[in-house]
C-alpha atoms as a PDB file:
ATOM      1  CA  ILE A   1     214.259 343.773  64.850  1.00  0.00           C
ATOM      2  CA  LEU A   2     214.926 340.238  66.019  1.00  0.00           C
ATOM      3  CA  LEU A   3     213.882 337.305  63.870  1.00  0.00           C
ATOM      4  CA  LYS A   4     213.633 333.731  65.084  1.00  0.00           C
ATOM      5  CA  VAL A   5     213.869 331.286  62.202  1.00  0.00           C
ATOM      6  CA  THR A   6     213.945 327.534  61.769  1.00  0.00           C
ATOM      7  CA  PRO A   7     216.230 326.277  58.983  1.00  0.00           C
ATOM      8  CA  GLU A   8     214.735 323.731  56.630  1.00  0.00           C
ATOM      9  CA  GLY A   9     216.320 321.147  54.381  1.00  0.00           C
ATOM     10  CA  ASP A  10     219.696 319.794  55.458  1.00  0.00           C
ATOM     11  CA  GLY A  11     220.111 322.480  58.152  1.00  0.00           C
ATOM     12  CA  GLY A  12     222.865 324.404  56.378  1.00  0.00           C
ATOM     13  CA  ALA A  13     222.965 328.059  57.397  1.00  0.00           C
ATOM     14  CA  CYS A  14     225.892 329.201  55.246  1.00  0.00           C
ATOM     15  CA  HIS A  15     225.606 329.876  51.517  1.00  0.00           C
ATOM     16  CA  THR A  16     228.216 327.107  51.018  1.00  0.00           C
ATOM     17  CA  GLY A  17     225.937 324.526  52.659  1.00  0.00           C
ATOM     18  CA  PHE A  18     227.859 324.290  55.929  1.00  0.00           C
ATOM     19  CA  ARG A  19     225.946 324.405  59.218  1.00  0.00           C
ATOM     20  CA  THR A  20     227.744 327.663  60.077  1.00  0.00           C
ATOM     21  CA  CYS A  21     229.780 330.209  58.132  1.00  0.00           C
ATOM     22  CA  PHE A  22     232.635 329.789  60.648  1.00  0.00           C
ATOM     23  CA  TYR A  23     234.177 326.614  59.220  1.00  0.00           C
ATOM     24  CA  ARG A  24     237.645 327.907  58.291  1.00  0.00           C
ATOM     25  CA  VAL A  25     240.625 327.813  60.650  1.00  0.00           C
ATOM     26  CA  VAL A  26     244.263 328.842  60.389  1.00  0.00           C
ATOM     27  CA  GLU A  27     246.686 326.002  61.106  1.00  0.00           C
ATOM     28  CA  ASN A  28     250.430 326.466  60.759  1.00  0.00           C
ATOM     29  CA  GLY A  29     249.860 329.746  58.938  1.00  0.00           C
ATOM     30  CA  LYS A  30     247.574 328.180  56.311  1.00  0.00           C
ATOM     31  CA  LEU A  31     243.828 328.472  55.885  1.00  0.00           C
ATOM     32  CA  LYS A  32     242.011 325.144  56.206  1.00  0.00           C
ATOM     33  CA  GLU A  33     238.386 324.093  56.123  1.00  0.00           C
ATOM     34  CA  ARG A  34     237.129 322.352  59.241  1.00  0.00           C
ATOM     35  CA  LEU A  35     234.290 320.025  58.381  1.00  0.00           C
ATOM     36  CA  PRO A  36     231.273 320.186  60.670  1.00  0.00           C
END
């Protein structure tokens, strides 16, 4: 099953409100949040 959806509201797709759930990066061995 393939669903095509259109996000509403502010366009956040992640449960945290970010546009994507892939907003964390590792820099110098530490986890950081990269703002969209």
